[in-house]
Amino acid sequence: MPQLVFINLPVTDLAKSIAFYKAVGATQNLQFSDDTAACMVLSEQIHVMLLTHAKFRQFTTREIPDAKKSAQALIAINRDSKEAVDKAVADATAAGGGADPTPTQDLGFMYGRSYDDPDGHIWEVFWMDPAAVQGGDGETAA
């Protein structure tokens, strides 16, 4: 069985966050959603759990930082082409997210941009040339 990834994010407005993630291509799994949490499916293996602050606090005693003021994680996800990267950022921006909170990268074999969701969580969207991935010996390009 492939490993599943569940990314847990605290959100201030659950309905607004659900609408945003649907606009960027996620579907909602109602089996794992209620008025305190929503399971948003990005792929068969990747799920984003949107949790109200009260729900999130059930899992940690640590302070919930304001993601619009600080960055604790950069969540990266790939796309099939440079055009798909640009479309993902355009879709996120049209849905109320912010475009390019991190620098755009164009290294030829890899292209990346980013967006943030309504709470400021940063998603990096990138394309990497499949030949660059398959042709390496474990070394990374400088």
C-alpha atoms as a PDB file:
ATOM      1  CA  MET A   1       0.000   0.000   0.000  1.00  0.00           C
ATOM      2  CA  PRO A   2       1.439   3.418  -0.914  1.00  0.00           C
ATOM      3  CA  GLN A   3       2.072   5.839   1.905  1.00  0.00           C
ATOM      4  CA  LEU A   4      -0.507   8.570   2.354  1.00  0.00           C
ATOM      5  CA  VAL A   5       0.412  12.130   3.272  1.00  0.00           C
ATOM      6  CA  PHE A   6      -1.931  14.193   5.459  1.00  0.00           C
ATOM      7  CA  ILE A   7      -0.957  17.847   5.782  1.00  0.00           C
ATOM      8  CA  ASN A   8      -2.727  19.439   8.758  1.00  0.00           C
ATOM      9  CA  LEU A   9      -3.272  23.200   8.476  1.00  0.00           C
ATOM     10  CA  PRO A  10      -4.938  25.526  10.978  1.00  0.00           C
ATOM     11  CA  VAL A  11      -7.429  27.864   9.306  1.00  0.00           C
ATOM     12  CA  THR A  12      -9.383  30.865  10.553  1.00  0.00           C
ATOM     13  CA  ASP A  13     -12.393  30.507   8.229  1.00  0.00           C
ATOM     14  CA  LEU A  14     -13.152  26.879   7.372  1.00  0.00           C
ATOM     15  CA  ALA A  15     -15.765  27.607   4.685  1.00  0.00           C
ATOM     16  CA  LYS A  16     -13.486  30.109   2.934  1.00  0.00           C
ATOM     17  CA  SER A  17     -10.590  27.643   3.048  1.00  0.00           C
ATOM     18  CA  ILE A  18     -12.726  24.814   1.643  1.00  0.00           C
ATOM     19  CA  ALA A  19     -13.787  27.056  -1.254  1.00  0.00           C
ATOM     20  CA  PHE A  20     -10.163  28.058  -1.895  1.00  0.00           C
ATOM     21  CA  TYR A  21      -8.856  24.491  -1.970  1.00  0.00           C
ATOM     22  CA  LYS A  22     -11.708  23.393  -4.257  1.00  0.00           C
ATOM     23  CA  ALA A  23     -10.796  26.263  -6.600  1.00  0.00           C
ATOM     24  CA  VAL A  24      -7.204  25.027  -6.833  1.00  0.00           C
ATOM     25  CA  GLY A  25      -8.314  21.491  -7.724  1.00  0.00           C
ATOM     26  CA  ALA A  26      -8.910  19.630  -4.461  1.00  0.00           C
ATOM     27  CA  THR A  27     -12.038  17.637  -3.747  1.00  0.00           C
ATOM     28  CA  GLN A  28     -13.592  17.357  -0.318  1.00  0.00           C
ATOM     29  CA  ASN A  29     -13.888  13.977   1.387  1.00  0.00           C
ATOM     30  CA  LEU A  30     -17.064  14.416   3.408  1.00  0.00           C
ATOM     31  CA  GLN A  31     -16.404  11.219   5.364  1.00  0.00           C
ATOM     32  CA  PHE A  32     -13.592  13.038   7.191  1.00  0.00           C
ATOM     33  CA  SER A  33     -15.158  16.509   7.329  1.00  0.00           C
ATOM     34  CA  ASP A  34     -17.402  18.249   9.831  1.00  0.00           C
ATOM     35  CA  ASP A  35     -17.907  21.761  11.176  1.00  0.00           C
ATOM     36  CA  THR A  36     -14.367  21.769  12.676  1.00  0.00           C
ATOM     37  CA  ALA A  37     -12.361  20.070   9.929  1.00  0.00           C
ATOM     38  CA  ALA A  38     -12.335  19.350   6.214  1.00  0.00           C
ATOM     39  CA  CYS A  39     -10.387  16.673   4.400  1.00  0.00           C
ATOM     40  CA  MET A  40      -9.329  18.034   1.019  1.00  0.00           C
ATOM     41  CA  VAL A  41      -7.982  15.460  -1.436  1.00  0.00           C
ATOM     42  CA  LEU A  42      -5.204  16.647  -3.764  1.00  0.00           C
ATOM     43  CA  SER A  43      -4.381  13.171  -5.103  1.00  0.00           C
ATOM     44  CA  GLU A  44      -4.826   9.553  -4.082  1.00  0.00           C
ATOM     45  CA  GLN A  45      -1.850   9.920  -1.750  1.00  0.00           C
ATOM     46  CA  ILE A  46      -2.012  13.579  -0.660  1.00  0.00           C
ATOM     47  CA  HIS A  47      -4.698  15.013   1.620  1.00  0.00           C
ATOM     48  CA  VAL A  48      -4.909  18.389   3.321  1.00  0.00           C
ATOM     49  CA  MET A  49      -6.732  18.513   6.632  1.00  0.00           C
ATOM     50  CA  LEU A  50      -8.106  22.011   7.184  1.00  0.00           C
ATOM     51  CA  LEU A  51      -8.662  22.415  10.904  1.00  0.00           C
ATOM     52  CA  THR A  52     -10.273  25.251  12.818  1.00  0.00           C
ATOM     53  CA  HIS A  53      -7.922  26.666  15.438  1.00  0.00           C
ATOM     54  CA  ALA A  54      -9.955  24.996  18.199  1.00  0.00           C
ATOM     55  CA  LYS A  55      -9.628  21.626  16.455  1.00  0.00           C
ATOM     56  CA  PHE A  56      -5.926  22.124  15.716  1.00  0.00           C
ATOM     57  CA  ARG A  57      -5.290  22.880  19.396  1.00  0.00           C
ATOM     58  CA  GLN A  58      -6.540  19.380  20.244  1.00  0.00           C
ATOM     59  CA  PHE A  59      -3.361  18.019  18.631  1.00  0.00           C
ATOM     60  CA  THR A  60      -0.729  20.378  20.037  1.00  0.00           C
ATOM     61  CA  THR A  61      -0.092  22.701  22.947  1.00  0.00           C
ATOM     62  CA  ARG A  62       2.209  24.854  20.821  1.00  0.00           C
ATOM     63  CA  GLU A  63       1.193  28.308  19.702  1.00  0.00           C
ATOM     64  CA  ILE A  64      -0.422  28.531  16.273  1.00  0.00           C
ATOM     65  CA  PRO A  65       1.651  31.100  14.374  1.00  0.00           C
ATOM     66  CA  ASP A  66       0.155  33.614  11.977  1.00  0.00           C
ATOM     67  CA  ALA A  67       1.288  32.168   8.638  1.00  0.00           C
ATOM     68  CA  LYS A  68       0.865  35.584   7.023  1.00  0.00           C
ATOM     69  CA  LYS A  69       3.646  36.907   9.277  1.00  0.00           C
ATOM     70  CA  SER A  70       5.922  33.883   9.640  1.00  0.00           C
ATOM     71  CA  ALA A  71       6.810  30.818   7.625  1.00  0.00           C
ATOM     72  CA  GLN A  72       7.236  27.489   9.307  1.00  0.00           C
ATOM     73  CA  ALA A  73       6.940  25.220   6.281  1.00  0.00           C
ATOM     74  CA  LEU A  74       6.964  25.436   2.497  1.00  0.00           C
ATOM     75  CA  ILE A  75       4.779  22.736   0.994  1.00  0.00           C
ATOM     76  CA  ALA A  76       5.931  21.757  -2.496  1.00  0.00           C
ATOM     77  CA  ILE A  77       3.949  19.852  -5.081  1.00  0.00           C
ATOM     78  CA  ASN A  78       4.853  19.089  -8.674  1.00  0.00           C
ATOM     79  CA  ARG A  79       3.019  19.771 -11.918  1.00  0.00           C
ATOM     80  CA  ASP A  80       3.437  18.275 -15.391  1.00  0.00           C
ATOM     81  CA  SER A  81       4.665  21.428 -17.175  1.00  0.00           C
ATOM     82  CA  LYS A  82       5.765  25.023 -16.732  1.00  0.00           C
ATOM     83  CA  GLU A  83       2.362  26.092 -18.044  1.00  0.00           C
ATOM     84  CA  ALA A  84       0.639  23.992 -15.381  1.00  0.00           C
ATOM     85  CA  VAL A  85       2.768  25.720 -12.726  1.00  0.00           C
ATOM     86  CA  ASP A  86       1.658  29.137 -13.991  1.00  0.00           C
ATOM     87  CA  LYS A  87      -1.983  27.971 -14.156  1.00  0.00           C
ATOM     88  CA  ALA A  88      -1.859  26.724 -10.552  1.00  0.00           C
ATOM     89  CA  VAL A  89      -0.660  30.137  -9.371  1.00  0.00           C
ATOM     90  CA  ALA A  90      -3.275  31.907 -11.522  1.00  0.00           C
ATOM     91  CA  ASP A  91      -6.055  29.660 -10.144  1.00  0.00           C
ATOM     92  CA  ALA A  92      -4.913  30.284  -6.569  1.00  0.00           C
ATOM     93  CA  THR A  93      -4.753  34.033  -7.121  1.00  0.00           C
ATOM     94  CA  ALA A  94      -8.225  34.085  -8.694  1.00  0.00           C
ATOM     95  CA  ALA A  95      -9.535  32.170  -5.650  1.00  0.00           C
ATOM     96  CA  GLY A  96      -8.180  34.741  -3.186  1.00  0.00           C
ATOM     97  CA  GLY A  97      -4.658  33.477  -2.590  1.00  0.00           C
ATOM     98  CA  GLY A  98      -1.476  35.457  -3.016  1.00  0.00           C
ATOM     99  CA  ALA A  99       0.893  34.984  -5.939  1.00  0.00           C
ATOM    100  CA  ASP A 100       4.605  34.337  -5.508  1.00  0.00           C
ATOM    101  CA  PRO A 101       5.267  34.828  -1.784  1.00  0.00           C
ATOM    102  CA  THR A 102       8.610  33.122  -2.475  1.00  0.00           C
ATOM    103  CA  PRO A 103      10.955  33.883  -5.387  1.00  0.00           C
ATOM    104  CA  THR A 104      10.224  32.338  -8.778  1.00  0.00           C
ATOM    105  CA  GLN A 105      12.875  29.811  -9.808  1.00  0.00           C
ATOM    106  CA  ASP A 106      13.779  29.031 -13.409  1.00  0.00           C
ATOM    107  CA  LEU A 107      16.811  26.785 -13.590  1.00  0.00           C
ATOM    108  CA  GLY A 108      16.063  25.414 -17.052  1.00  0.00           C
ATOM    109  CA  PHE A 109      15.569  21.819 -15.888  1.00  0.00           C
ATOM    110  CA  MET A 110      13.313  23.026 -13.051  1.00  0.00           C
ATOM    111  CA  TYR A 111      10.740  25.805 -12.832  1.00  0.00           C
ATOM    112  CA  GLY A 112       8.896  26.834  -9.705  1.00  0.00           C
ATOM    113  CA  ARG A 113       6.515  29.446  -8.396  1.00  0.00           C
ATOM    114  CA  SER A 114       4.379  29.700  -5.290  1.00  0.00           C
ATOM    115  CA  TYR A 115       1.113  30.881  -3.857  1.00  0.00           C
ATOM    116  CA  ASP A 116      -0.309  31.260  -0.401  1.00  0.00           C
ATOM    117  CA  ASP A 117      -3.768  30.294   0.770  1.00  0.00           C
ATOM    118  CA  PRO A 118      -6.117  32.704   2.599  1.00  0.00           C
ATOM    119  CA  ASP A 119      -4.351  31.937   5.914  1.00  0.00           C
ATOM    120  CA  GLY A 120      -0.863  32.482   4.479  1.00  0.00           C
ATOM    121  CA  HIS A 121       0.260  28.841   4.167  1.00  0.00           C
ATOM    122  CA  ILE A 122       2.782  28.741   1.311  1.00  0.00           C
ATOM    123  CA  TRP A 123       2.496  26.194  -1.484  1.00  0.00           C
ATOM    124  CA  GLU A 124       5.393  25.889  -3.913  1.00  0.00           C
ATOM    125  CA  VAL A 125       4.399  24.514  -7.303  1.00  0.00           C
ATOM    126  CA  PHE A 126       7.188  23.200  -9.508  1.00  0.00           C
ATOM    127  CA  TRP A 127       7.962  21.376 -12.727  1.00  0.00           C
ATOM    128  CA  MET A 128      11.115  19.339 -13.186  1.00  0.00           C
ATOM    129  CA  ASP A 129      12.330  17.960 -16.504  1.00  0.00           C
ATOM    130  CA  PRO A 130      11.852  14.174 -16.290  1.00  0.00           C
ATOM    131  CA  ALA A 131      15.225  13.653 -18.006  1.00  0.00           C
ATOM    132  CA  ALA A 132      16.924  15.572 -15.201  1.00  0.00           C
ATOM    133  CA  VAL A 133      15.265  13.327 -12.625  1.00  0.00           C
ATOM    134  CA  GLN A 134      16.032  10.043 -14.413  1.00  0.00           C
ATOM    135  CA  GLY A 135      19.527  10.895 -15.587  1.00  0.00           C
ATOM    136  CA  GLY A 136      21.118  11.625 -12.231  1.00  0.00           C
ATOM    137  CA  ASP A 137      23.291   9.439 -10.055  1.00  0.00           C
ATOM    138  CA  GLY A 138      21.967  10.860  -6.825  1.00  0.00           C
ATOM    139  CA  GLU A 139      23.881  14.122  -7.214  1.00  0.00           C
ATOM    140  CA  THR A 140      21.945  17.348  -7.499  1.00  0.00           C
ATOM    141  CA  ALA A 141      22.618  20.069 -10.016  1.00  0.00           C
ATOM    142  CA  ALA A 142      24.237  23.208  -8.716  1.00  0.00           C
END
